PDB file of N, CA and C in Angstrom:
ATOM      1  N   UNK A   1     100.847 101.947 102.525  1.00  0.00           N
ATOM      2  CA  UNK A   1      99.763 101.639 103.412  1.00  0.00           C
ATOM      3  C   UNK A   1     100.080 102.274 104.760  1.00  0.00           C
ATOM      4  N   UNK A   2      99.070 102.810 105.404  1.00  0.00           N
ATOM      5  CA  UNK A   2      99.260 103.487 106.676  1.00  0.00           C
ATOM      6  C   UNK A   2      98.141 103.088 107.630  1.00  0.00           C
ATOM      7  N   UNK A   3      98.521 102.759 108.874  1.00  0.00           N
ATOM      8  CA  UNK A   3      97.527 102.476 109.898  1.00  0.00           C
ATOM      9  C   UNK A   3      97.900 103.203 111.178  1.00  0.00           C
ATOM     10  N   UNK A   4      96.912 103.398 112.026  1.00  0.00           N
ATOM     11  CA  UNK A   4      97.116 104.021 113.326  1.00  0.00           C
ATOM     12  C   UNK A   4      96.722 103.016 114.391  1.00  0.00           C
ATOM     13  N   UNK A   5      97.576 102.896 115.407  1.00  0.00           N
ATOM     14  CA  UNK A   5      97.321 101.960 116.502  1.00  0.00           C
ATOM     15  C   UNK A   5      97.562 102.681 117.825  1.00  0.00           C
ATOM     16  N   UNK A   6      96.789 102.362 118.848  1.00  0.00           N
ATOM     17  CA  UNK A   6      97.016 103.012 120.134  1.00  0.00           C
ATOM     18  C   UNK A   6      98.378 102.673 120.733  1.00  0.00           C
ATOM     19  N   UNK A   7      98.892 101.454 120.472  1.00  0.00           N
ATOM     20  CA  UNK A   7     100.188 101.055 120.979  1.00  0.00           C
ATOM     21  C   UNK A   7     100.702  99.854 120.206  1.00  0.00           C
ATOM     22  N   UNK A   8     101.985  99.614 120.334  1.00  0.00           N
ATOM     23  CA  UNK A   8     102.605  98.413 119.777  1.00  0.00           C
ATOM     24  C   UNK A   8     102.968  97.503 120.941  1.00  0.00           C
ATOM     25  N   UNK A   9     102.638  96.232 120.811  1.00  0.00           N
ATOM     26  CA  UNK A   9     102.984  95.234 121.814  1.00  0.00           C
ATOM     27  C   UNK A   9     104.182  94.448 121.308  1.00  0.00           C
ATOM     28  N   UNK A  10     105.149  94.217 122.183  1.00  0.00           N
ATOM     29  CA  UNK A  10     106.354  93.485 121.789  1.00  0.00           C
ATOM     30  C   UNK A  10     106.696  92.463 122.857  1.00  0.00           C
ATOM     31  N   UNK A  11     107.167  91.301 122.381  1.00  0.00           N
ATOM     32  CA  UNK A  11     107.637  90.247 123.279  1.00  0.00           C
ATOM     33  C   UNK A  11     108.882  89.634 122.637  1.00  0.00           C
ATOM     34  N   UNK A  12     110.059  89.871 123.222  1.00  0.00           N
ATOM     35  CA  UNK A  12     111.288  89.363 122.618  1.00  0.00           C
ATOM     36  C   UNK A  12     111.470  87.850 122.736  1.00  0.00           C
ATOM     37  N   UNK A  13     110.772  87.216 123.678  1.00  0.00           N
ATOM     38  CA  UNK A  13     111.006  85.792 123.889  1.00  0.00           C
ATOM     39  C   UNK A  13     109.812  85.157 124.596  1.00  0.00           C
ATOM     40  N   UNK A  14     108.837  84.696 123.838  1.00  0.00           N
ATOM     41  CA  UNK A  14     107.671  84.046 124.413  1.00  0.00           C
ATOM     42  C   UNK A  14     108.009  82.583 124.679  1.00  0.00           C
ATOM     43  N   UNK A  15     108.298  82.276 125.916  1.00  0.00           N
ATOM     44  CA  UNK A  15     108.724  80.926 126.286  1.00  0.00           C
ATOM     45  C   UNK A  15     107.643  79.881 126.030  1.00  0.00           C
ATOM     46  N   UNK A  16     106.370  80.278 126.116  1.00  0.00           N
ATOM     47  CA  UNK A  16     105.275  79.346 125.858  1.00  0.00           C
ATOM     48  C   UNK A  16     105.145  79.024 124.374  1.00  0.00           C
ATOM     49  N   UNK A  17     105.742  79.839 123.524  1.00  0.00           N
ATOM     50  CA  UNK A  17     105.687  79.646 122.073  1.00  0.00           C
ATOM     51  C   UNK A  17     107.072  79.390 121.493  1.00  0.00           C
ATOM     52  N   UNK A  18     107.887  78.590 122.155  1.00  0.00           N
ATOM     53  CA  UNK A  18     109.214  78.209 121.692  1.00  0.00           C
ATOM     54  C   UNK A  18     110.118  79.414 121.418  1.00  0.00           C
ATOM     55  N   UNK A  19     110.077  80.394 122.324  1.00  0.00           N
ATOM     56  CA  UNK A  19     110.912  81.601 122.272  1.00  0.00           C
ATOM     57  C   UNK A  19     110.622  82.504 121.073  1.00  0.00           C
ATOM     58  N   UNK A  20     109.416  82.484 120.602  1.00  0.00           N
ATOM     59  CA  UNK A  20     108.975  83.330 119.492  1.00  0.00           C
ATOM     60  C   UNK A  20     109.070  84.802 119.880  1.00  0.00           C
ATOM     61  N   UNK A  21     109.676  85.604 119.012  1.00  0.00           N
ATOM     62  CA  UNK A  21     109.730  87.055 119.191  1.00  0.00           C
ATOM     63  C   UNK A  21     108.601  87.664 118.354  1.00  0.00           C
ATOM     64  N   UNK A  22     107.793  88.550 118.964  1.00  0.00           N
ATOM     65  CA  UNK A  22     106.650  89.103 118.248  1.00  0.00           C
ATOM     66  C   UNK A  22     106.487  90.599 118.494  1.00  0.00           C
ATOM     67  N   UNK A  23     106.003  91.266 117.455  1.00  0.00           N
ATOM     68  CA  UNK A  23     105.544  92.646 117.535  1.00  0.00           C
ATOM     69  C   UNK A  23     104.157  92.640 116.918  1.00  0.00           C
ATOM     70  N   UNK A  24     103.199  93.223 117.628  1.00  0.00           N
ATOM     71  CA  UNK A  24     101.844  93.244 117.072  1.00  0.00           C
ATOM     72  C   UNK A  24     101.102  94.484 117.529  1.00  0.00           C
ATOM     73  N   UNK A  25      99.993  94.732 116.842  1.00  0.00           N
ATOM     74  CA  UNK A  25      99.112  95.825 117.220  1.00  0.00           C
ATOM     75  C   UNK A  25      97.747  95.601 116.585  1.00  0.00           C
ATOM     76  N   UNK A  26      96.782  96.303 117.127  1.00  0.00           N
ATOM     77  CA  UNK A  26      95.452  96.366 116.544  1.00  0.00           C
ATOM     78  C   UNK A  26      95.221  97.816 116.161  1.00  0.00           C
ATOM     79  N   UNK A  27      94.869  98.045 114.914  1.00  0.00           N
ATOM     80  CA  UNK A  27      94.651  99.413 114.451  1.00  0.00           C
ATOM     81  C   UNK A  27      93.363  99.968 115.048  1.00  0.00           C
ATOM     82  N   UNK A  28      93.204 101.265 114.936  1.00  0.00           N
ATOM     83  CA  UNK A  28      91.978 101.890 115.422  1.00  0.00           C
ATOM     84  C   UNK A  28      90.770 101.425 114.612  1.00  0.00           C
ATOM     85  N   UNK A  29      90.997 100.843 113.434  1.00  0.00           N
ATOM     86  CA  UNK A  29      89.916 100.289 112.617  1.00  0.00           C
ATOM     87  C   UNK A  29      89.666  98.812 112.943  1.00  0.00           C
ATOM     88  N   UNK A  30      90.466  98.241 113.851  1.00  0.00           N
ATOM     89  CA  UNK A  30      90.274  96.854 114.263  1.00  0.00           C
ATOM     90  C   UNK A  30      91.106  95.837 113.512  1.00  0.00           C
ATOM     91  N   UNK A  31      91.963  96.276 112.590  1.00  0.00           N
ATOM     92  CA  UNK A  31      92.826  95.350 111.857  1.00  0.00           C
ATOM     93  C   UNK A  31      94.039  94.981 112.708  1.00  0.00           C
ATOM     94  N   UNK A  32      94.520  93.749 112.544  1.00  0.00           N
ATOM     95  CA  UNK A  32      95.664  93.290 113.303  1.00  0.00           C
ATOM     96  C   UNK A  32      96.914  93.239 112.419  1.00  0.00           C
ATOM     97  N   UNK A  33      98.053  93.600 112.996  1.00  0.00           N
ATOM     98  CA  UNK A  33      99.363  93.454 112.377  1.00  0.00           C
ATOM     99  C   UNK A  33     100.186  92.583 113.307  1.00  0.00           C
ATOM    100  N   UNK A  34     100.867  91.591 112.746  1.00  0.00           N
ATOM    101  CA  UNK A  34     101.726  90.708 113.535  1.00  0.00           C
ATOM    102  C   UNK A  34     102.994  90.420 112.741  1.00  0.00           C
ATOM    103  N   UNK A  35     104.141  90.645 113.389  1.00  0.00           N
ATOM    104  CA  UNK A  35     105.429  90.296 112.809  1.00  0.00           C
ATOM    105  C   UNK A  35     106.129  89.412 113.833  1.00  0.00           C
ATOM    106  N   UNK A  36     106.643  88.257 113.386  1.00  0.00           N
ATOM    107  CA  UNK A  36     107.247  87.327 114.336  1.00  0.00           C
ATOM    108  C   UNK A  36     108.382  86.538 113.692  1.00  0.00           C
ATOM    109  N   UNK A  37     109.203  85.962 114.574  1.00  0.00           N
ATOM    110  CA  UNK A  37     110.294  85.116 114.104  1.00  0.00           C
ATOM    111  C   UNK A  37     110.741  84.200 115.235  1.00  0.00           C
ATOM    112  N   UNK A  38     110.898  82.920 114.900  1.00  0.00           N
ATOM    113  CA  UNK A  38     111.484  81.971 115.834  1.00  0.00           C
ATOM    114  C   UNK A  38     112.997  82.127 115.785  1.00  0.00           C
ATOM    115  N   UNK A  39     113.693  81.922 116.899  1.00  0.00           N
ATOM    116  CA  UNK A  39     115.148  82.149 116.923  1.00  0.00           C
ATOM    117  C   UNK A  39     115.940  81.246 115.979  1.00  0.00           C
ATOM    118  N   UNK A  40     115.405  80.092 115.609  1.00  0.00           N
ATOM    119  CA  UNK A  40     116.135  79.174 114.731  1.00  0.00           C
ATOM    120  C   UNK A  40     115.703  79.278 113.265  1.00  0.00           C
ATOM    121  N   UNK A  41     114.878  80.263 112.936  1.00  0.00           N
ATOM    122  CA  UNK A  41     114.403  80.467 111.564  1.00  0.00           C
ATOM    123  C   UNK A  41     115.155  81.630 110.918  1.00  0.00           C
ATOM    124  N   UNK A  42     115.342  81.565 109.594  1.00  0.00           N
ATOM    125  CA  UNK A  42     115.992  82.649 108.862  1.00  0.00           C
ATOM    126  C   UNK A  42     115.009  83.723 108.411  1.00  0.00           C
ATOM    127  N   UNK A  43     113.763  83.337 108.206  1.00  0.00           N
ATOM    128  CA  UNK A  43     112.765  84.279 107.715  1.00  0.00           C
ATOM    129  C   UNK A  43     111.818  84.694 108.830  1.00  0.00           C
ATOM    130  N   UNK A  44     111.284  85.875 108.682  1.00  0.00           N
ATOM    131  CA  UNK A  44     110.267  86.332 109.616  1.00  0.00           C
ATOM    132  C   UNK A  44     108.909  86.188 108.962  1.00  0.00           C
ATOM    133  N   UNK A  45     107.867  86.214 109.777  1.00  0.00           N
ATOM    134  CA  UNK A  45     106.507  86.121 109.252  1.00  0.00           C
ATOM    135  C   UNK A  45     105.761  87.400 109.557  1.00  0.00           C
ATOM    136  N   UNK A  46     104.934  87.800 108.590  1.00  0.00           N
ATOM    137  CA  UNK A  46     104.080  88.964 108.755  1.00  0.00           C
ATOM    138  C   UNK A  46     102.660  88.556 108.430  1.00  0.00           C
ATOM    139  N   UNK A  47     101.749  89.002 109.270  1.00  0.00           N
ATOM    140  CA  UNK A  47     100.331  88.790 109.035  1.00  0.00           C
ATOM    141  C   UNK A  47      99.645  90.139 109.174  1.00  0.00           C
ATOM    142  N   UNK A  48      98.774  90.449 108.242  1.00  0.00           N
ATOM    143  CA  UNK A  48      98.074  91.725 108.238  1.00  0.00           C
ATOM    144  C   UNK A  48      96.590  91.462 108.047  1.00  0.00           C
ATOM    145  N   UNK A  49      95.788  91.950 108.970  1.00  0.00           N
ATOM    146  CA  UNK A  49      94.346  91.729 108.881  1.00  0.00           C
ATOM    147  C   UNK A  49      94.011  90.260 108.993  1.00  0.00           C
ATOM    148  N   UNK A  50      93.148  89.788 108.112  1.00  0.00           N
ATOM    149  CA  UNK A  50      92.722  88.392 108.119  1.00  0.00           C
ATOM    150  C   UNK A  50      93.610  87.498 107.258  1.00  0.00           C
ATOM    151  N   UNK A  51      94.663  88.055 106.664  1.00  0.00           N
ATOM    152  CA  UNK A  51      95.529  87.284 105.778  1.00  0.00           C
ATOM    153  C   UNK A  51      96.354  86.261 106.564  1.00  0.00           C
ATOM    154  N   UNK A  52      96.641  85.135 105.919  1.00  0.00           N
ATOM    155  CA  UNK A  52      97.517  84.135 106.521  1.00  0.00           C
ATOM    156  C   UNK A  52      98.927  84.708 106.615  1.00  0.00           C
ATOM    157  N   UNK A  53      99.714  84.245 107.579  1.00  0.00           N
ATOM    158  CA  UNK A  53     101.095  84.728 107.704  1.00  0.00           C
ATOM    159  C   UNK A  53     101.913  84.422 106.457  1.00  0.00           C
ATOM    160  N   UNK A  54     102.778  85.360 106.091  1.00  0.00           N
ATOM    161  CA  UNK A  54     103.680  85.189 104.951  1.00  0.00           C
ATOM    162  C   UNK A  54     105.114  85.279 105.434  1.00  0.00           C
ATOM    163  N   UNK A  55     105.972  84.395 104.932  1.00  0.00           N
ATOM    164  CA  UNK A  55     107.394  84.413 105.278  1.00  0.00           C
ATOM    165  C   UNK A  55     108.133  85.364 104.355  1.00  0.00           C
ATOM    166  N   UNK A  56     109.013  86.166 104.947  1.00  0.00           N
ATOM    167  CA  UNK A  56     109.762  87.164 104.187  1.00  0.00           C
ATOM    168  C   UNK A  56     111.220  87.180 104.629  1.00  0.00           C
ATOM    169  N   UNK A  57     112.061  87.621 103.745  1.00  0.00           N
ATOM    170  CA  UNK A  57     113.464  87.891 104.063  1.00  0.00           C
ATOM    171  C   UNK A  57     113.800  89.239 103.437  1.00  0.00           C
ATOM    172  N   UNK A  58     114.744  89.952 104.010  1.00  0.00           N
ATOM    173  CA  UNK A  58     115.159  91.227 103.429  1.00  0.00           C
ATOM    174  C   UNK A  58     114.250  92.385 103.757  1.00  0.00           C
ATOM    175  N   UNK A  59     113.504  92.312 104.834  1.00  0.00           N
ATOM    176  CA  UNK A  59     112.617  93.389 105.259  1.00  0.00           C
ATOM    177  C   UNK A  59     113.447  94.476 105.940  1.00  0.00           C
ATOM    178  N   UNK A  60     113.064  95.732 105.725  1.00  0.00           N
ATOM    179  CA  UNK A  60     113.712  96.840 106.421  1.00  0.00           C
ATOM    180  C   UNK A  60     112.682  97.484 107.342  1.00  0.00           C
ATOM    181  N   UNK A  61     113.060  97.686 108.604  1.00  0.00           N
ATOM    182  CA  UNK A  61     112.171  98.305 109.578  1.00  0.00           C
ATOM    183  C   UNK A  61     112.882  99.502 110.194  1.00  0.00           C
ATOM    184  N   UNK A  62     112.190 100.634 110.214  1.00  0.00           N
ATOM    185  CA  UNK A  62     112.708 101.844 110.830  1.00  0.00           C
ATOM    186  C   UNK A  62     111.768 102.256 111.948  1.00  0.00           C
ATOM    187  N   UNK A  63     112.326 102.450 113.138  1.00  0.00           N
ATOM    188  CA  UNK A  63     111.537 102.830 114.306  1.00  0.00           C
ATOM    189  C   UNK A  63     111.875 104.251 114.711  1.00  0.00           C
ATOM    190  N   UNK A  64     110.844 105.072 114.853  1.00  0.00           N
ATOM    191  CA  UNK A  64     111.011 106.406 115.420  1.00  0.00           C
ATOM    192  C   UNK A  64     110.082 106.508 116.624  1.00  0.00           C
ATOM    193  N   UNK A  65     110.023 107.659 117.229  1.00  0.00           N
ATOM    194  CA  UNK A  65     109.282 107.820 118.479  1.00  0.00           C
ATOM    195  C   UNK A  65     107.784 107.528 118.338  1.00  0.00           C
ATOM    196  N   UNK A  66     107.198 107.761 117.187  1.00  0.00           N
ATOM    197  CA  UNK A  66     105.761 107.538 117.014  1.00  0.00           C
ATOM    198  C   UNK A  66     105.420 106.771 115.735  1.00  0.00           C
ATOM    199  N   UNK A  67     106.448 106.181 115.088  1.00  0.00           N
ATOM    200  CA  UNK A  67     106.199 105.521 113.812  1.00  0.00           C
ATOM    201  C   UNK A  67     107.078 104.296 113.650  1.00  0.00           C
ATOM    202  N   UNK A  68     106.463 103.236 113.137  1.00  0.00           N
ATOM    203  CA  UNK A  68     107.183 102.032 112.719  1.00  0.00           C
ATOM    204  C   UNK A  68     106.969 101.925 111.214  1.00  0.00           C
ATOM    205  N   UNK A  69     108.055 101.962 110.459  1.00  0.00           N
ATOM    206  CA  UNK A  69     107.983 101.875 109.007  1.00  0.00           C
ATOM    207  C   UNK A  69     108.574 100.545 108.570  1.00  0.00           C
ATOM    208  N   UNK A  70     107.776  99.764 107.883  1.00  0.00           N
ATOM    209  CA  UNK A  70     108.167  98.449 107.400  1.00  0.00           C
ATOM    210  C   UNK A  70     108.221  98.520 105.880  1.00  0.00           C
ATOM    211  N   UNK A  71     109.373  98.157 105.285  1.00  0.00           N
ATOM    212  CA  UNK A  71     109.544  98.184 103.840  1.00  0.00           C
ATOM    213  C   UNK A  71     109.867  96.777 103.358  1.00  0.00           C
ATOM    214  N   UNK A  72     109.154  96.343 102.308  1.00  0.00           N
ATOM    215  CA  UNK A  72     109.361  95.004 101.764  1.00  0.00           C
ATOM    216  C   UNK A  72     109.827  95.100 100.313  1.00  0.00           C
ATOM    217  N   UNK A  73     110.425  94.018  99.832  1.00  0.00           N
ATOM    218  CA  UNK A  73     110.882  93.953  98.444  1.00  0.00           C
ATOM    219  C   UNK A  73     109.690  93.973  97.496  1.00  0.00           C
ATOM    220  N   UNK A  74     109.931  94.379  96.256  1.00  0.00           N
ATOM    221  CA  UNK A  74     108.870  94.439  95.250  1.00  0.00           C
ATOM    222  C   UNK A  74     108.190  93.083  95.053  1.00  0.00           C
ATOM    223  N   UNK A  75     108.933  92.014  95.231  1.00  0.00           N
ATOM    224  CA  UNK A  75     108.366  90.670  95.066  1.00  0.00           C
ATOM    225  C   UNK A  75     107.454  90.261  96.217  1.00  0.00           C
ATOM    226  N   UNK A  76     107.440  91.038  97.306  1.00  0.00           N
ATOM    227  CA  UNK A  76     106.637  90.700  98.483  1.00  0.00           C
ATOM    228  C   UNK A  76     105.483  91.653  98.750  1.00  0.00           C
ATOM    229  N   UNK A  77     105.143  92.508  97.791  1.00  0.00           N
ATOM    230  CA  UNK A  77     104.096  93.502  98.027  1.00  0.00           C
ATOM    231  C   UNK A  77     102.716  92.887  98.278  1.00  0.00           C
ATOM    232  N   UNK A  78     102.513  91.655  97.868  1.00  0.00           N
ATOM    233  CA  UNK A  78     101.220  91.014  98.117  1.00  0.00           C
ATOM    234  C   UNK A  78     100.949  90.880  99.622  1.00  0.00           C
ATOM    235  N   UNK A  79     101.997  90.796 100.434  1.00  0.00           N
ATOM    236  CA  UNK A  79     101.849  90.694 101.890  1.00  0.00           C
ATOM    237  C   UNK A  79     101.184  91.950 102.451  1.00  0.00           C
ATOM    238  N   UNK A  80     101.477  93.097 101.836  1.00  0.00           N
ATOM    239  CA  UNK A  80     100.936  94.378 102.288  1.00  0.00           C
ATOM    240  C   UNK A  80      99.849  94.887 101.344  1.00  0.00           C
ATOM    241  N   UNK A  81      99.106  93.973 100.779  1.00  0.00           N
ATOM    242  CA  UNK A  81      97.982  94.309  99.886  1.00  0.00           C
ATOM    243  C   UNK A  81      98.403  95.195  98.719  1.00  0.00           C
ATOM    244  N   UNK A  82      99.581  94.923  98.151  1.00  0.00           N
ATOM    245  CA  UNK A  82     100.050  95.640  96.974  1.00  0.00           C
ATOM    246  C   UNK A  82     100.977  96.804  97.258  1.00  0.00           C
ATOM    247  N   UNK A  83     101.169  97.165  98.508  1.00  0.00           N
ATOM    248  CA  UNK A  83     102.065  98.265  98.864  1.00  0.00           C
ATOM    249  C   UNK A  83     103.449  97.729  99.199  1.00  0.00           C
ATOM    250  N   UNK A  84     104.477  98.562  98.996  1.00  0.00           N
ATOM    251  CA  UNK A  84     105.831  98.139  99.326  1.00  0.00           C
ATOM    252  C   UNK A  84     106.256  98.588 100.722  1.00  0.00           C
ATOM    253  N   UNK A  85     105.351  99.262 101.424  1.00  0.00           N
ATOM    254  CA  UNK A  85     105.654  99.688 102.784  1.00  0.00           C
ATOM    255  C   UNK A  85     104.381  99.759 103.630  1.00  0.00           C
ATOM    256  N   UNK A  86     104.587  99.658 104.920  1.00  0.00           N
ATOM    257  CA  UNK A  86     103.507  99.806 105.892  1.00  0.00           C
ATOM    258  C   UNK A  86     104.008 100.767 106.958  1.00  0.00           C
ATOM    259  N   UNK A  87     103.254 101.820 107.182  1.00  0.00           N
ATOM    260  CA  UNK A  87     103.595 102.804 108.201  1.00  0.00           C
ATOM    261  C   UNK A  87     102.571 102.688 109.323  1.00  0.00           C
ATOM    262  N   UNK A  88     103.067 102.414 110.527  1.00  0.00           N
ATOM    263  CA  UNK A  88     102.186 102.300 111.687  1.00  0.00           C
ATOM    264  C   UNK A  88     102.475 103.475 112.610  1.00  0.00           C
ATOM    265  N   UNK A  89     101.488 104.330 112.794  1.00  0.00           N
ATOM    266  CA  UNK A  89     101.581 105.431 113.749  1.00  0.00           C
ATOM    267  C   UNK A  89     101.079 104.913 115.085  1.00  0.00           C
ATOM    268  N   UNK A  90     101.799 105.194 116.181  1.00  0.00           N
ATOM    269  CA  UNK A  90     101.412 104.677 117.483  1.00  0.00           C
ATOM    270  C   UNK A  90     101.772 105.666 118.584  1.00  0.00           C
ATOM    271  N   UNK A  91     101.246 105.430 119.770  1.00  0.00           N
ATOM    272  CA  UNK A  91     101.499 106.265 120.932  1.00  0.00           C
ATOM    273  C   UNK A  91     102.684 105.691 121.706  1.00  0.00           C
ATOM    274  N   UNK A  92     103.792 106.396 121.719  1.00  0.00           N
ATOM    275  CA  UNK A  92     105.002 105.919 122.387  1.00  0.00           C
ATOM    276  C   UNK A  92     104.833 105.848 123.900  1.00  0.00           C
ATOM    277  N   UNK A  93     103.992 106.690 124.469  1.00  0.00           N
ATOM    278  CA  UNK A  93     103.793 106.667 125.917  1.00  0.00           C
ATOM    279  C   UNK A  93     103.078 105.399 126.364  1.00  0.00           C
ATOM    280  N   UNK A  94     102.290 104.791 125.494  1.00  0.00           N
ATOM    281  CA  UNK A  94     101.578 103.557 125.824  1.00  0.00           C
ATOM    282  C   UNK A  94     102.376 102.313 125.440  1.00  0.00           C
ATOM    283  N   UNK A  95     103.520 102.507 124.780  1.00  0.00           N
ATOM    284  CA  UNK A  95     104.338 101.410 124.262  1.00  0.00           C
ATOM    285  C   UNK A  95     105.637 101.305 125.052  1.00  0.00           C
ATOM    286  N   UNK A  96     106.040 100.089 125.364  1.00  0.00           N
ATOM    287  CA  UNK A  96     107.335  99.862 126.012  1.00  0.00           C
ATOM    288  C   UNK A  96     108.389  99.925 124.908  1.00  0.00           C
ATOM    289  N   UNK A  97     108.989 101.094 124.731  1.00  0.00           N
ATOM    290  CA  UNK A  97     109.895 101.328 123.614  1.00  0.00           C
ATOM    291  C   UNK A  97     111.173 100.491 123.727  1.00  0.00           C
ATOM    292  N   UNK A  98     111.666 100.278 124.920  1.00  0.00           N
ATOM    293  CA  UNK A  98     112.875  99.470 125.096  1.00  0.00           C
ATOM    294  C   UNK A  98     112.610  98.027 124.677  1.00  0.00           C
ATOM    295  N   UNK A  99     111.483  97.485 125.096  1.00  0.00           N
ATOM    296  CA  UNK A  99     111.140  96.116 124.717  1.00  0.00           C
ATOM    297  C   UNK A  99     110.859  96.018 123.220  1.00  0.00           C
ATOM    298  N   UNK A 100     110.233  97.038 122.654  1.00  0.00           N
ATOM    299  CA  UNK A 100     109.967  97.059 121.216  1.00  0.00           C
ATOM    300  C   UNK A 100     111.276  97.045 120.436  1.00  0.00           C
ATOM    301  N   UNK A 101     112.219  97.873 120.829  1.00  0.00           N
ATOM    302  CA  UNK A 101     113.501  97.935 120.126  1.00  0.00           C
ATOM    303  C   UNK A 101     114.262  96.611 120.253  1.00  0.00           C
ATOM    304  N   UNK A 102     114.257  96.024 121.430  1.00  0.00           N
ATOM    305  CA  UNK A 102     114.917  94.731 121.640  1.00  0.00           C
ATOM    306  C   UNK A 102     114.286  93.650 120.769  1.00  0.00           C
ATOM    307  N   UNK A 103     112.969  93.638 120.696  1.00  0.00           N
ATOM    308  CA  UNK A 103     112.261  92.627 119.912  1.00  0.00           C
ATOM    309  C   UNK A 103     112.519  92.797 118.420  1.00  0.00           C
ATOM    310  N   UNK A 104     112.494  94.030 117.933  1.00  0.00           N
ATOM    311  CA  UNK A 104     112.772  94.272 116.515  1.00  0.00           C
ATOM    312  C   UNK A 104     114.184  93.829 116.152  1.00  0.00           C
ATOM    313  N   UNK A 105     115.136  94.088 117.030  1.00  0.00           N
ATOM    314  CA  UNK A 105     116.517  93.661 116.791  1.00  0.00           C
ATOM    315  C   UNK A 105     116.593  92.145 116.655  1.00  0.00           C
ATOM    316  N   UNK A 106     115.898  91.419 117.527  1.00  0.00           N
ATOM    317  CA  UNK A 106     115.889  89.951 117.465  1.00  0.00           C
ATOM    318  C   UNK A 106     115.199  89.437 116.209  1.00  0.00           C
ATOM    319  N   UNK A 107     114.064  90.011 115.876  1.00  0.00           N
ATOM    320  CA  UNK A 107     113.303  89.555 114.709  1.00  0.00           C
ATOM    321  C   UNK A 107     114.090  89.766 113.427  1.00  0.00           C
ATOM    322  N   UNK A 108     114.780  90.877 113.314  1.00  0.00           N
ATOM    323  CA  UNK A 108     115.442  91.235 112.061  1.00  0.00           C
ATOM    324  C   UNK A 108     116.893  90.753 111.953  1.00  0.00           C
ATOM    325  N   UNK A 109     117.444  90.218 113.033  1.00  0.00           N
ATOM    326  CA  UNK A 109     118.827  89.736 113.007  1.00  0.00           C
ATOM    327  C   UNK A 109     118.989  88.637 111.959  1.00  0.00           C
ATOM    328  N   UNK A 110     119.828  88.885 110.977  1.00  0.00           N
ATOM    329  CA  UNK A 110     120.112  87.899 109.957  1.00  0.00           C
ATOM    330  C   UNK A 110     119.054  87.773 108.868  1.00  0.00           C
ATOM    331  N   UNK A 111     117.917  88.438 109.012  1.00  0.00           N
ATOM    332  CA  UNK A 111     116.862  88.299 108.012  1.00  0.00           C
ATOM    333  C   UNK A 111     116.257  89.611 107.585  1.00  0.00           C
ATOM    334  N   UNK A 112     116.878  90.699 107.965  1.00  0.00           N
ATOM    335  CA  UNK A 112     116.337  92.002 107.613  1.00  0.00           C
ATOM    336  C   UNK A 112     117.262  93.100 108.104  1.00  0.00           C
ATOM    337  N   UNK A 113     116.782  94.324 108.019  1.00  0.00           N
ATOM    338  CA  UNK A 113     117.552  95.478 108.422  1.00  0.00           C
ATOM    339  C   UNK A 113     116.730  96.278 109.425  1.00  0.00           C
ATOM    340  N   UNK A 114     117.356  96.635 110.532  1.00  0.00           N
ATOM    341  CA  UNK A 114     116.699  97.445 111.547  1.00  0.00           C
ATOM    342  C   UNK A 114     117.418  98.783 111.641  1.00  0.00           C
ATOM    343  N   UNK A 115     116.639  99.859 111.597  1.00  0.00           N
ATOM    344  CA  UNK A 115     117.185 101.203 111.756  1.00  0.00           C
ATOM    345  C   UNK A 115     116.391 101.916 112.843  1.00  0.00           C
ATOM    346  N   UNK A 116     117.104 102.584 113.738  1.00  0.00           N
ATOM    347  CA  UNK A 116     116.453 103.312 114.829  1.00  0.00           C
ATOM    348  C   UNK A 116     116.660 104.805 114.630  1.00  0.00           C
ATOM    349  N   UNK A 117     115.558 105.536 114.669  1.00  0.00           N
ATOM    350  CA  UNK A 117     115.598 107.000 114.651  1.00  0.00           C
ATOM    351  C   UNK A 117     115.238 107.551 116.030  1.00  0.00           C
ATOM    352  N   UNK A 118     115.456 106.750 117.070  1.00  0.00           N
ATOM    353  CA  UNK A 118     115.075 107.158 118.423  1.00  0.00           C
ATOM    354  C   UNK A 118     116.074 108.104 119.051  1.00  0.00           C
ATOM    355  N   UNK A 119     117.303 108.086 118.652  1.00  0.00           N
ATOM    356  CA  UNK A 119     118.326 108.912 119.299  1.00  0.00           C
ATOM    357  C   UNK A 119     118.617 110.148 118.521  1.00  0.00           C
TER     358      UNK A 119
END
């Protein structure tokens, strides 16, 4: 699955939401992607479009300058409408890349794998 978004929004610690770490975007088609994790939880949640959030473990996320690639286990493909990966193309100039990288590290700590292709 592939979507295009003007930017990715990241918040490593939303104090109003019990320190929830979130990454989200709205695609150019108007669909929403949300990935989040509370600091005391082992699993992260992903919501895509109008679907209810799903809890996952073992997610792999790779960040490059203009792409976020999310890979899920075969048992979790229903979260991504039958696909085992989601590729989000975005504009790095409109995105706070440092905050995005910090947030992804927090979300995936202990519950997934984070890989950076930024350097």
